PDB file of N, CA and C in Angstrom:
ATOM      1  N   UNK A   1      13.976 -52.346 -67.239  1.00  0.00           N
ATOM      2  CA  UNK A   1      15.452 -52.716 -67.324  1.00  0.00           C
ATOM      3  C   UNK A   1      16.221 -52.047 -68.179  1.00  0.00           C
ATOM      4  N   UNK A   2      17.168 -51.356 -67.744  1.00  0.00           N
ATOM      5  CA  UNK A   2      18.193 -49.953 -68.824  1.00  0.00           C
ATOM      6  C   UNK A   2      18.739 -51.343 -70.243  1.00  0.00           C
ATOM      7  N   UNK A   3      19.131 -50.847 -70.654  1.00  0.00           N
ATOM      8  CA  UNK A   3      20.257 -51.179 -71.799  1.00  0.00           C
ATOM      9  C   UNK A   3      21.239 -50.689 -72.464  1.00  0.00           C
ATOM     10  N   UNK A   4      22.794 -51.807 -72.194  1.00  0.00           N
ATOM     11  CA  UNK A   4      23.586 -51.603 -72.960  1.00  0.00           C
ATOM     12  C   UNK A   4      23.289 -50.573 -73.652  1.00  0.00           C
ATOM     13  N   UNK A   5      24.063 -48.688 -73.274  1.00  0.00           N
ATOM     14  CA  UNK A   5      24.477 -47.727 -74.588  1.00  0.00           C
ATOM     15  C   UNK A   5      23.482 -46.928 -74.126  1.00  0.00           C
ATOM     16  N   UNK A   6      22.093 -47.065 -73.054  1.00  0.00           N
ATOM     17  CA  UNK A   6      21.012 -46.247 -72.855  1.00  0.00           C
ATOM     18  C   UNK A   6      21.980 -44.645 -72.168  1.00  0.00           C
ATOM     19  N   UNK A   7      21.724 -44.330 -71.978  1.00  0.00           N
ATOM     20  CA  UNK A   7      22.153 -42.978 -71.476  1.00  0.00           C
ATOM     21  C   UNK A   7      21.040 -42.260 -70.777  1.00  0.00           C
ATOM     22  N   UNK A   8      19.755 -43.000 -70.780  1.00  0.00           N
ATOM     23  CA  UNK A   8      18.856 -41.597 -69.871  1.00  0.00           C
ATOM     24  C   UNK A   8      19.469 -41.665 -68.561  1.00  0.00           C
ATOM     25  N   UNK A   9      19.452 -42.321 -68.003  1.00  0.00           N
ATOM     26  CA  UNK A   9      19.550 -42.190 -66.678  1.00  0.00           C
ATOM     27  C   UNK A   9      21.016 -41.286 -66.848  1.00  0.00           C
ATOM     28  N   UNK A  10      21.910 -41.620 -66.844  1.00  0.00           N
ATOM     29  CA  UNK A  10      23.144 -40.691 -66.717  1.00  0.00           C
ATOM     30  C   UNK A  10      23.332 -38.974 -67.094  1.00  0.00           C
ATOM     31  N   UNK A  11      21.913 -38.678 -67.944  1.00  0.00           N
ATOM     32  CA  UNK A  11      21.608 -37.678 -68.578  1.00  0.00           C
ATOM     33  C   UNK A  11      20.649 -36.780 -66.851  1.00  0.00           C
ATOM     34  N   UNK A  12      19.719 -37.915 -66.877  1.00  0.00           N
ATOM     35  CA  UNK A  12      18.818 -37.203 -65.790  1.00  0.00           C
ATOM     36  C   UNK A  12      19.476 -36.562 -64.352  1.00  0.00           C
ATOM     37  N   UNK A  13      20.857 -38.488 -64.355  1.00  0.00           N
ATOM     38  CA  UNK A  13      21.737 -37.484 -63.381  1.00  0.00           C
ATOM     39  C   UNK A  13      23.264 -36.246 -63.907  1.00  0.00           C
ATOM     40  N   UNK A  14      23.415 -36.004 -65.103  1.00  0.00           N
ATOM     41  CA  UNK A  14      23.853 -35.424 -65.174  1.00  0.00           C
ATOM     42  C   UNK A  14      22.751 -33.372 -65.277  1.00  0.00           C
ATOM     43  N   UNK A  15      21.841 -33.611 -65.337  1.00  0.00           N
ATOM     44  CA  UNK A  15      20.711 -32.912 -65.343  1.00  0.00           C
ATOM     45  C   UNK A  15      20.776 -31.708 -63.940  1.00  0.00           C
ATOM     46  N   UNK A  16      21.039 -33.069 -63.198  1.00  0.00           N
ATOM     47  CA  UNK A  16      21.316 -32.332 -61.284  1.00  0.00           C
ATOM     48  C   UNK A  16      22.162 -31.962 -61.080  1.00  0.00           C
ATOM     49  N   UNK A  17      23.159 -31.492 -61.871  1.00  0.00           N
ATOM     50  CA  UNK A  17      24.636 -31.154 -61.363  1.00  0.00           C
ATOM     51  C   UNK A  17      24.700 -29.196 -62.078  1.00  0.00           C
ATOM     52  N   UNK A  18      24.633 -28.809 -60.328  1.00  0.00           N
ATOM     53  CA  UNK A  18      24.747 -27.509 -60.790  1.00  0.00           C
ATOM     54  C   UNK A  18      25.787 -26.815 -61.740  1.00  0.00           C
ATOM     55  N   UNK A  19      25.527 -25.687 -61.729  1.00  0.00           N
ATOM     56  CA  UNK A  19      26.931 -25.396 -63.078  1.00  0.00           C
ATOM     57  C   UNK A  19      27.568 -24.549 -62.032  1.00  0.00           C
ATOM     58  N   UNK A  20      28.053 -24.826 -60.625  1.00  0.00           N
ATOM     59  CA  UNK A  20      28.613 -24.084 -59.779  1.00  0.00           C
ATOM     60  C   UNK A  20      29.497 -25.513 -59.879  1.00  0.00           C
ATOM     61  N   UNK A  21      28.880 -26.844 -59.381  1.00  0.00           N
ATOM     62  CA  UNK A  21      29.355 -28.065 -58.901  1.00  0.00           C
ATOM     63  C   UNK A  21      30.631 -28.759 -60.880  1.00  0.00           C
ATOM     64  N   UNK A  22      29.284 -28.072 -61.805  1.00  0.00           N
ATOM     65  CA  UNK A  22      30.036 -28.524 -63.049  1.00  0.00           C
ATOM     66  C   UNK A  22      31.286 -27.357 -63.011  1.00  0.00           C
ATOM     67  N   UNK A  23      31.783 -27.186 -63.495  1.00  0.00           N
ATOM     68  CA  UNK A  23      33.035 -26.562 -62.256  1.00  0.00           C
ATOM     69  C   UNK A  23      34.223 -27.308 -61.818  1.00  0.00           C
ATOM     70  N   UNK A  24      33.419 -27.068 -61.081  1.00  0.00           N
ATOM     71  CA  UNK A  24      34.570 -28.412 -59.522  1.00  0.00           C
ATOM     72  C   UNK A  24      34.513 -29.772 -60.710  1.00  0.00           C
ATOM     73  N   UNK A  25      34.265 -30.168 -60.992  1.00  0.00           N
ATOM     74  CA  UNK A  25      34.223 -31.323 -62.384  1.00  0.00           C
ATOM     75  C   UNK A  25      33.631 -32.133 -61.509  1.00  0.00           C
ATOM     76  N   UNK A  26      32.277 -31.771 -61.054  1.00  0.00           N
ATOM     77  CA  UNK A  26      31.345 -32.430 -61.153  1.00  0.00           C
ATOM     78  C   UNK A  26      30.230 -33.253 -62.001  1.00  0.00           C
ATOM     79  N   UNK A  27      30.406 -34.825 -61.928  1.00  0.00           N
ATOM     80  CA  UNK A  27      29.222 -34.819 -63.338  1.00  0.00           C
ATOM     81  C   UNK A  27      27.763 -35.251 -62.985  1.00  0.00           C
ATOM     82  N   UNK A  28      27.965 -35.850 -61.699  1.00  0.00           N
ATOM     83  CA  UNK A  28      26.305 -36.791 -61.523  1.00  0.00           C
ATOM     84  C   UNK A  28      25.955 -36.049 -60.691  1.00  0.00           C
ATOM     85  N   UNK A  29      24.902 -35.831 -60.324  1.00  0.00           N
ATOM     86  CA  UNK A  29      24.181 -35.998 -58.510  1.00  0.00           C
ATOM     87  C   UNK A  29      23.385 -36.761 -58.688  1.00  0.00           C
ATOM     88  N   UNK A  30      22.999 -36.879 -57.057  1.00  0.00           N
ATOM     89  CA  UNK A  30      21.993 -39.107 -56.921  1.00  0.00           C
ATOM     90  C   UNK A  30      20.834 -38.044 -55.905  1.00  0.00           C
ATOM     91  N   UNK A  31      21.620 -37.645 -54.960  1.00  0.00           N
ATOM     92  CA  UNK A  31      21.353 -36.548 -53.704  1.00  0.00           C
ATOM     93  C   UNK A  31      20.974 -35.372 -54.090  1.00  0.00           C
ATOM     94  N   UNK A  32      19.785 -34.642 -53.414  1.00  0.00           N
ATOM     95  CA  UNK A  32      19.248 -33.471 -53.352  1.00  0.00           C
ATOM     96  C   UNK A  32      19.522 -32.453 -52.343  1.00  0.00           C
ATOM     97  N   UNK A  33      20.111 -31.802 -52.870  1.00  0.00           N
ATOM     98  CA  UNK A  33      20.375 -30.945 -51.570  1.00  0.00           C
ATOM     99  C   UNK A  33      20.008 -30.847 -50.752  1.00  0.00           C
ATOM    100  N   UNK A  34      19.557 -30.497 -49.003  1.00  0.00           N
ATOM    101  CA  UNK A  34      18.950 -30.394 -47.933  1.00  0.00           C
ATOM    102  C   UNK A  34      19.516 -29.287 -47.361  1.00  0.00           C
ATOM    103  N   UNK A  35      18.432 -28.766 -46.675  1.00  0.00           N
ATOM    104  CA  UNK A  35      18.253 -27.461 -46.327  1.00  0.00           C
ATOM    105  C   UNK A  35      18.656 -27.980 -44.288  1.00  0.00           C
ATOM    106  N   UNK A  36      18.568 -29.412 -44.078  1.00  0.00           N
ATOM    107  CA  UNK A  36      18.601 -30.005 -43.246  1.00  0.00           C
ATOM    108  C   UNK A  36      19.597 -30.467 -42.641  1.00  0.00           C
ATOM    109  N   UNK A  37      21.205 -29.626 -43.250  1.00  0.00           N
ATOM    110  CA  UNK A  37      22.585 -30.511 -42.497  1.00  0.00           C
ATOM    111  C   UNK A  37      23.277 -30.148 -41.378  1.00  0.00           C
ATOM    112  N   UNK A  38      23.783 -31.381 -40.804  1.00  0.00           N
ATOM    113  CA  UNK A  38      24.197 -30.396 -39.268  1.00  0.00           C
ATOM    114  C   UNK A  38      25.365 -30.492 -39.430  1.00  0.00           C
ATOM    115  N   UNK A  39      26.228 -30.239 -39.155  1.00  0.00           N
ATOM    116  CA  UNK A  39      27.873 -30.418 -39.071  1.00  0.00           C
ATOM    117  C   UNK A  39      28.196 -32.041 -37.370  1.00  0.00           C
ATOM    118  N   UNK A  40      28.637 -32.479 -37.794  1.00  0.00           N
ATOM    119  CA  UNK A  40      29.145 -33.585 -36.571  1.00  0.00           C
ATOM    120  C   UNK A  40      30.293 -32.434 -36.417  1.00  0.00           C
ATOM    121  N   UNK A  41      29.796 -32.361 -34.756  1.00  0.00           N
ATOM    122  CA  UNK A  41      30.700 -32.191 -33.641  1.00  0.00           C
ATOM    123  C   UNK A  41      31.389 -32.514 -32.856  1.00  0.00           C
ATOM    124  N   UNK A  42      30.554 -33.104 -32.561  1.00  0.00           N
ATOM    125  CA  UNK A  42      31.039 -34.260 -30.924  1.00  0.00           C
ATOM    126  C   UNK A  42      30.324 -35.500 -31.719  1.00  0.00           C
ATOM    127  N   UNK A  43      30.825 -36.681 -30.942  1.00  0.00           N
ATOM    128  CA  UNK A  43      30.975 -37.958 -31.072  1.00  0.00           C
ATOM    129  C   UNK A  43      29.592 -38.364 -30.537  1.00  0.00           C
ATOM    130  N   UNK A  44      29.208 -38.254 -29.764  1.00  0.00           N
ATOM    131  CA  UNK A  44      27.760 -38.259 -29.291  1.00  0.00           C
ATOM    132  C   UNK A  44      26.589 -38.114 -30.099  1.00  0.00           C
ATOM    133  N   UNK A  45      27.084 -36.573 -30.893  1.00  0.00           N
ATOM    134  CA  UNK A  45      25.835 -36.193 -32.163  1.00  0.00           C
ATOM    135  C   UNK A  45      26.080 -37.125 -33.446  1.00  0.00           C
ATOM    136  N   UNK A  46      27.107 -38.003 -33.071  1.00  0.00           N
ATOM    137  CA  UNK A  46      27.718 -38.877 -34.267  1.00  0.00           C
ATOM    138  C   UNK A  46      27.013 -39.942 -34.560  1.00  0.00           C
ATOM    139  N   UNK A  47      27.189 -41.254 -33.007  1.00  0.00           N
ATOM    140  CA  UNK A  47      26.637 -41.872 -32.273  1.00  0.00           C
ATOM    141  C   UNK A  47      25.106 -41.036 -32.714  1.00  0.00           C
ATOM    142  N   UNK A  48      24.444 -40.839 -32.441  1.00  0.00           N
ATOM    143  CA  UNK A  48      23.072 -40.984 -33.117  1.00  0.00           C
ATOM    144  C   UNK A  48      22.878 -40.464 -34.215  1.00  0.00           C
ATOM    145  N   UNK A  49      23.660 -40.175 -35.117  1.00  0.00           N
ATOM    146  CA  UNK A  49      23.137 -39.938 -37.127  1.00  0.00           C
ATOM    147  C   UNK A  49      23.559 -41.810 -36.857  1.00  0.00           C
ATOM    148  N   UNK A  50      24.331 -42.678 -36.639  1.00  0.00           N
ATOM    149  CA  UNK A  50      24.941 -43.594 -37.034  1.00  0.00           C
ATOM    150  C   UNK A  50      23.650 -44.668 -36.515  1.00  0.00           C
ATOM    151  N   UNK A  51      23.608 -44.085 -35.060  1.00  0.00           N
ATOM    152  CA  UNK A  51      21.966 -45.278 -34.831  1.00  0.00           C
ATOM    153  C   UNK A  51      20.814 -44.877 -35.680  1.00  0.00           C
ATOM    154  N   UNK A  52      20.002 -44.081 -35.929  1.00  0.00           N
ATOM    155  CA  UNK A  52      19.098 -43.748 -36.546  1.00  0.00           C
ATOM    156  C   UNK A  52      19.524 -44.294 -38.594  1.00  0.00           C
ATOM    157  N   UNK A  53      20.829 -44.178 -39.157  1.00  0.00           N
ATOM    158  CA  UNK A  53      21.317 -44.446 -39.907  1.00  0.00           C
ATOM    159  C   UNK A  53      21.079 -45.791 -40.506  1.00  0.00           C
ATOM    160  N   UNK A  54      21.272 -47.322 -38.854  1.00  0.00           N
ATOM    161  CA  UNK A  54      21.435 -48.260 -38.844  1.00  0.00           C
ATOM    162  C   UNK A  54      19.991 -48.668 -39.193  1.00  0.00           C
ATOM    163  N   UNK A  55      19.028 -48.411 -38.094  1.00  0.00           N
ATOM    164  CA  UNK A  55      17.959 -48.515 -37.710  1.00  0.00           C
ATOM    165  C   UNK A  55      17.305 -48.129 -38.577  1.00  0.00           C
ATOM    166  N   UNK A  56      16.875 -47.250 -39.336  1.00  0.00           N
ATOM    167  CA  UNK A  56      16.430 -46.381 -40.310  1.00  0.00           C
ATOM    168  C   UNK A  56      15.901 -48.136 -41.173  1.00  0.00           C
ATOM    169  N   UNK A  57      16.612 -48.764 -42.289  1.00  0.00           N
ATOM    170  CA  UNK A  57      16.307 -50.343 -43.100  1.00  0.00           C
ATOM    171  C   UNK A  57      15.230 -51.132 -43.036  1.00  0.00           C
ATOM    172  N   UNK A  58      15.217 -51.152 -40.901  1.00  0.00           N
ATOM    173  CA  UNK A  58      14.515 -51.883 -39.804  1.00  0.00           C
ATOM    174  C   UNK A  58      12.900 -51.747 -39.195  1.00  0.00           C
ATOM    175  N   UNK A  59      12.772 -50.167 -40.298  1.00  0.00           N
ATOM    176  CA  UNK A  59      12.141 -49.892 -39.113  1.00  0.00           C
ATOM    177  C   UNK A  59      10.848 -49.046 -40.428  1.00  0.00           C
ATOM    178  N   UNK A  60       9.938 -48.368 -39.984  1.00  0.00           N
ATOM    179  CA  UNK A  60       8.545 -47.849 -40.683  1.00  0.00           C
ATOM    180  C   UNK A  60       8.076 -48.725 -42.037  1.00  0.00           C
ATOM    181  N   UNK A  61       7.967 -48.140 -42.687  1.00  0.00           N
ATOM    182  CA  UNK A  61       7.975 -48.594 -43.829  1.00  0.00           C
ATOM    183  C   UNK A  61       8.635 -49.548 -44.651  1.00  0.00           C
ATOM    184  N   UNK A  62      10.432 -49.051 -44.014  1.00  0.00           N
ATOM    185  CA  UNK A  62      11.268 -50.225 -44.884  1.00  0.00           C
ATOM    186  C   UNK A  62      11.013 -51.836 -45.100  1.00  0.00           C
ATOM    187  N   UNK A  63      11.164 -52.000 -43.387  1.00  0.00           N
ATOM    188  CA  UNK A  63      11.710 -53.275 -43.307  1.00  0.00           C
ATOM    189  C   UNK A  63      12.271 -54.037 -44.414  1.00  0.00           C
ATOM    190  N   UNK A  64      13.664 -53.481 -44.626  1.00  0.00           N
ATOM    191  CA  UNK A  64      14.385 -54.567 -45.154  1.00  0.00           C
ATOM    192  C   UNK A  64      15.072 -56.027 -44.640  1.00  0.00           C
ATOM    193  N   UNK A  65      15.021 -55.202 -43.383  1.00  0.00           N
ATOM    194  CA  UNK A  65      15.809 -56.849 -42.408  1.00  0.00           C
ATOM    195  C   UNK A  65      15.850 -56.611 -40.890  1.00  0.00           C
ATOM    196  N   UNK A  66      15.424 -57.259 -40.358  1.00  0.00           N
ATOM    197  CA  UNK A  66      14.970 -57.670 -38.511  1.00  0.00           C
ATOM    198  C   UNK A  66      15.556 -56.732 -37.399  1.00  0.00           C
ATOM    199  N   UNK A  67      17.024 -56.673 -38.632  1.00  0.00           N
ATOM    200  CA  UNK A  67      17.974 -56.047 -37.457  1.00  0.00           C
ATOM    201  C   UNK A  67      19.288 -55.576 -37.913  1.00  0.00           C
ATOM    202  N   UNK A  68      19.590 -54.818 -38.167  1.00  0.00           N
ATOM    203  CA  UNK A  68      20.345 -53.713 -38.549  1.00  0.00           C
ATOM    204  C   UNK A  68      21.582 -54.500 -38.979  1.00  0.00           C
ATOM    205  N   UNK A  69      22.540 -55.040 -38.255  1.00  0.00           N
ATOM    206  CA  UNK A  69      23.055 -55.984 -38.848  1.00  0.00           C
ATOM    207  C   UNK A  69      23.519 -57.353 -39.922  1.00  0.00           C
ATOM    208  N   UNK A  70      22.068 -56.770 -39.984  1.00  0.00           N
ATOM    209  CA  UNK A  70      21.381 -58.672 -41.054  1.00  0.00           C
ATOM    210  C   UNK A  70      20.688 -57.327 -42.273  1.00  0.00           C
ATOM    211  N   UNK A  71      21.126 -56.216 -42.536  1.00  0.00           N
ATOM    212  CA  UNK A  71      20.981 -55.784 -43.259  1.00  0.00           C
ATOM    213  C   UNK A  71      22.356 -55.202 -44.200  1.00  0.00           C
ATOM    214  N   UNK A  72      21.897 -56.224 -46.025  1.00  0.00           N
ATOM    215  CA  UNK A  72      23.769 -55.971 -46.279  1.00  0.00           C
ATOM    216  C   UNK A  72      23.718 -54.654 -46.497  1.00  0.00           C
ATOM    217  N   UNK A  73      23.681 -53.826 -46.583  1.00  0.00           N
ATOM    218  CA  UNK A  73      24.474 -52.559 -47.355  1.00  0.00           C
ATOM    219  C   UNK A  73      24.972 -51.516 -46.212  1.00  0.00           C
ATOM    220  N   UNK A  74      24.763 -52.367 -45.238  1.00  0.00           N
ATOM    221  CA  UNK A  74      24.855 -50.998 -43.638  1.00  0.00           C
ATOM    222  C   UNK A  74      25.943 -51.678 -42.498  1.00  0.00           C
ATOM    223  N   UNK A  75      26.581 -50.222 -42.914  1.00  0.00           N
ATOM    224  CA  UNK A  75      28.189 -50.837 -41.941  1.00  0.00           C
ATOM    225  C   UNK A  75      28.261 -51.409 -39.925  1.00  0.00           C
ATOM    226  N   UNK A  76      26.275 -51.175 -39.652  1.00  0.00           N
ATOM    227  CA  UNK A  76      26.795 -52.192 -38.821  1.00  0.00           C
ATOM    228  C   UNK A  76      26.958 -52.946 -37.914  1.00  0.00           C
ATOM    229  N   UNK A  77      27.194 -54.230 -38.401  1.00  0.00           N
ATOM    230  CA  UNK A  77      28.085 -56.016 -38.487  1.00  0.00           C
ATOM    231  C   UNK A  77      29.021 -54.856 -37.633  1.00  0.00           C
ATOM    232  N   UNK A  78      29.901 -53.633 -38.960  1.00  0.00           N
ATOM    233  CA  UNK A  78      31.203 -53.893 -38.562  1.00  0.00           C
ATOM    234  C   UNK A  78      31.194 -53.301 -37.212  1.00  0.00           C
ATOM    235  N   UNK A  79      30.117 -51.710 -36.579  1.00  0.00           N
ATOM    236  CA  UNK A  79      29.887 -51.815 -35.478  1.00  0.00           C
ATOM    237  C   UNK A  79      29.637 -52.294 -33.792  1.00  0.00           C
ATOM    238  N   UNK A  80      28.966 -53.699 -34.762  1.00  0.00           N
ATOM    239  CA  UNK A  80      28.269 -54.581 -33.522  1.00  0.00           C
ATOM    240  C   UNK A  80      29.393 -55.300 -33.477  1.00  0.00           C
ATOM    241  N   UNK A  81      30.150 -56.055 -33.906  1.00  0.00           N
ATOM    242  CA  UNK A  81      30.216 -57.132 -34.441  1.00  0.00           C
ATOM    243  C   UNK A  81      32.551 -57.182 -34.331  1.00  0.00           C
ATOM    244  N   UNK A  82      32.676 -56.579 -34.704  1.00  0.00           N
ATOM    245  CA  UNK A  82      33.519 -56.378 -35.888  1.00  0.00           C
ATOM    246  C   UNK A  82      33.975 -56.975 -36.892  1.00  0.00           C
ATOM    247  N   UNK A  83      32.969 -56.831 -37.907  1.00  0.00           N
ATOM    248  CA  UNK A  83      32.710 -57.690 -39.684  1.00  0.00           C
ATOM    249  C   UNK A  83      32.438 -56.503 -40.646  1.00  0.00           C
ATOM    250  N   UNK A  84      33.888 -56.656 -41.029  1.00  0.00           N
ATOM    251  CA  UNK A  84      33.983 -55.505 -42.438  1.00  0.00           C
ATOM    252  C   UNK A  84      32.240 -56.310 -43.722  1.00  0.00           C
ATOM    253  N   UNK A  85      32.057 -54.954 -44.226  1.00  0.00           N
ATOM    254  CA  UNK A  85      30.691 -55.452 -44.955  1.00  0.00           C
ATOM    255  C   UNK A  85      31.210 -56.062 -46.290  1.00  0.00           C
ATOM    256  N   UNK A  86      29.973 -55.965 -47.010  1.00  0.00           N
ATOM    257  CA  UNK A  86      30.870 -56.385 -48.325  1.00  0.00           C
ATOM    258  C   UNK A  86      31.785 -55.276 -49.296  1.00  0.00           C
ATOM    259  N   UNK A  87      31.261 -53.659 -48.180  1.00  0.00           N
ATOM    260  CA  UNK A  87      32.057 -52.672 -49.554  1.00  0.00           C
ATOM    261  C   UNK A  87      33.156 -52.132 -48.176  1.00  0.00           C
ATOM    262  N   UNK A  88      33.711 -51.095 -49.459  1.00  0.00           N
ATOM    263  CA  UNK A  88      34.888 -50.319 -48.779  1.00  0.00           C
ATOM    264  C   UNK A  88      34.044 -49.379 -47.927  1.00  0.00           C
ATOM    265  N   UNK A  89      35.023 -49.315 -46.089  1.00  0.00           N
ATOM    266  CA  UNK A  89      33.919 -48.407 -45.533  1.00  0.00           C
ATOM    267  C   UNK A  89      35.400 -47.755 -44.398  1.00  0.00           C
ATOM    268  N   UNK A  90      35.632 -46.459 -43.897  1.00  0.00           N
ATOM    269  CA  UNK A  90      36.527 -46.216 -42.768  1.00  0.00           C
ATOM    270  C   UNK A  90      35.393 -46.063 -41.652  1.00  0.00           C
ATOM    271  N   UNK A  91      36.175 -46.508 -40.758  1.00  0.00           N
ATOM    272  CA  UNK A  91      35.482 -45.817 -39.240  1.00  0.00           C
ATOM    273  C   UNK A  91      35.166 -44.200 -38.641  1.00  0.00           C
ATOM    274  N   UNK A  92      34.489 -44.344 -38.370  1.00  0.00           N
ATOM    275  CA  UNK A  92      34.130 -43.055 -37.989  1.00  0.00           C
ATOM    276  C   UNK A  92      35.370 -42.511 -37.232  1.00  0.00           C
ATOM    277  N   UNK A  93      35.668 -43.609 -36.344  1.00  0.00           N
ATOM    278  CA  UNK A  93      36.416 -43.118 -35.021  1.00  0.00           C
ATOM    279  C   UNK A  93      37.766 -42.653 -36.029  1.00  0.00           C
ATOM    280  N   UNK A  94      38.291 -42.787 -37.410  1.00  0.00           N
ATOM    281  CA  UNK A  94      39.303 -42.868 -37.273  1.00  0.00           C
ATOM    282  C   UNK A  94      39.702 -41.204 -37.738  1.00  0.00           C
ATOM    283  N   UNK A  95      38.598 -40.947 -37.707  1.00  0.00           N
ATOM    284  CA  UNK A  95      38.372 -38.893 -38.289  1.00  0.00           C
ATOM    285  C   UNK A  95      38.162 -37.995 -36.748  1.00  0.00           C
ATOM    286  N   UNK A  96      38.206 -38.967 -36.210  1.00  0.00           N
ATOM    287  CA  UNK A  96      38.091 -37.702 -34.584  1.00  0.00           C
ATOM    288  C   UNK A  96      39.467 -37.401 -33.947  1.00  0.00           C
ATOM    289  N   UNK A  97      39.626 -36.379 -33.540  1.00  0.00           N
ATOM    290  CA  UNK A  97      40.417 -35.591 -33.452  1.00  0.00           C
ATOM    291  C   UNK A  97      40.252 -36.110 -31.257  1.00  0.00           C
ATOM    292  N   UNK A  98      40.784 -36.580 -30.820  1.00  0.00           N
ATOM    293  CA  UNK A  98      39.697 -36.615 -29.470  1.00  0.00           C
ATOM    294  C   UNK A  98      40.857 -35.949 -29.230  1.00  0.00           C
ATOM    295  N   UNK A  99      41.394 -35.466 -29.489  1.00  0.00           N
ATOM    296  CA  UNK A  99      42.401 -34.656 -28.385  1.00  0.00           C
ATOM    297  C   UNK A  99      41.448 -33.116 -28.021  1.00  0.00           C
ATOM    298  N   UNK A 100      41.081 -32.727 -29.173  1.00  0.00           N
ATOM    299  CA  UNK A 100      40.233 -31.459 -29.395  1.00  0.00           C
ATOM    300  C   UNK A 100      38.294 -31.975 -28.612  1.00  0.00           C
ATOM    301  N   UNK A 101      38.684 -33.252 -28.967  1.00  0.00           N
ATOM    302  CA  UNK A 101      36.720 -33.287 -29.249  1.00  0.00           C
ATOM    303  C   UNK A 101      36.232 -33.143 -27.823  1.00  0.00           C
ATOM    304  N   UNK A 102      34.525 -33.390 -27.989  1.00  0.00           N
ATOM    305  CA  UNK A 102      34.229 -32.914 -26.481  1.00  0.00           C
ATOM    306  C   UNK A 102      33.683 -33.957 -25.382  1.00  0.00           C
TER     307      UNK A 102
END
């Protein structure tokens, strides 16, 4: 358990920030950089990734919920049943320009 005033975790997260990112004001790094970054160019591709993200906690070694909408930290219930999750999120469709989308 982390005790009040123990900055070990923050120091670890700060150590993960590159010098270039520090100049941009980034203070902490949670995720490792990945060589497998894919640009989301089509809604079909976005939906494929969203489906994977929603189902991941319910499969494999995780088994954190019986279905995607039952996992507390998922946006699945928002997309499946229009229920706002207990965290702030925006609908991916708000970011799609349908006039130029494929």
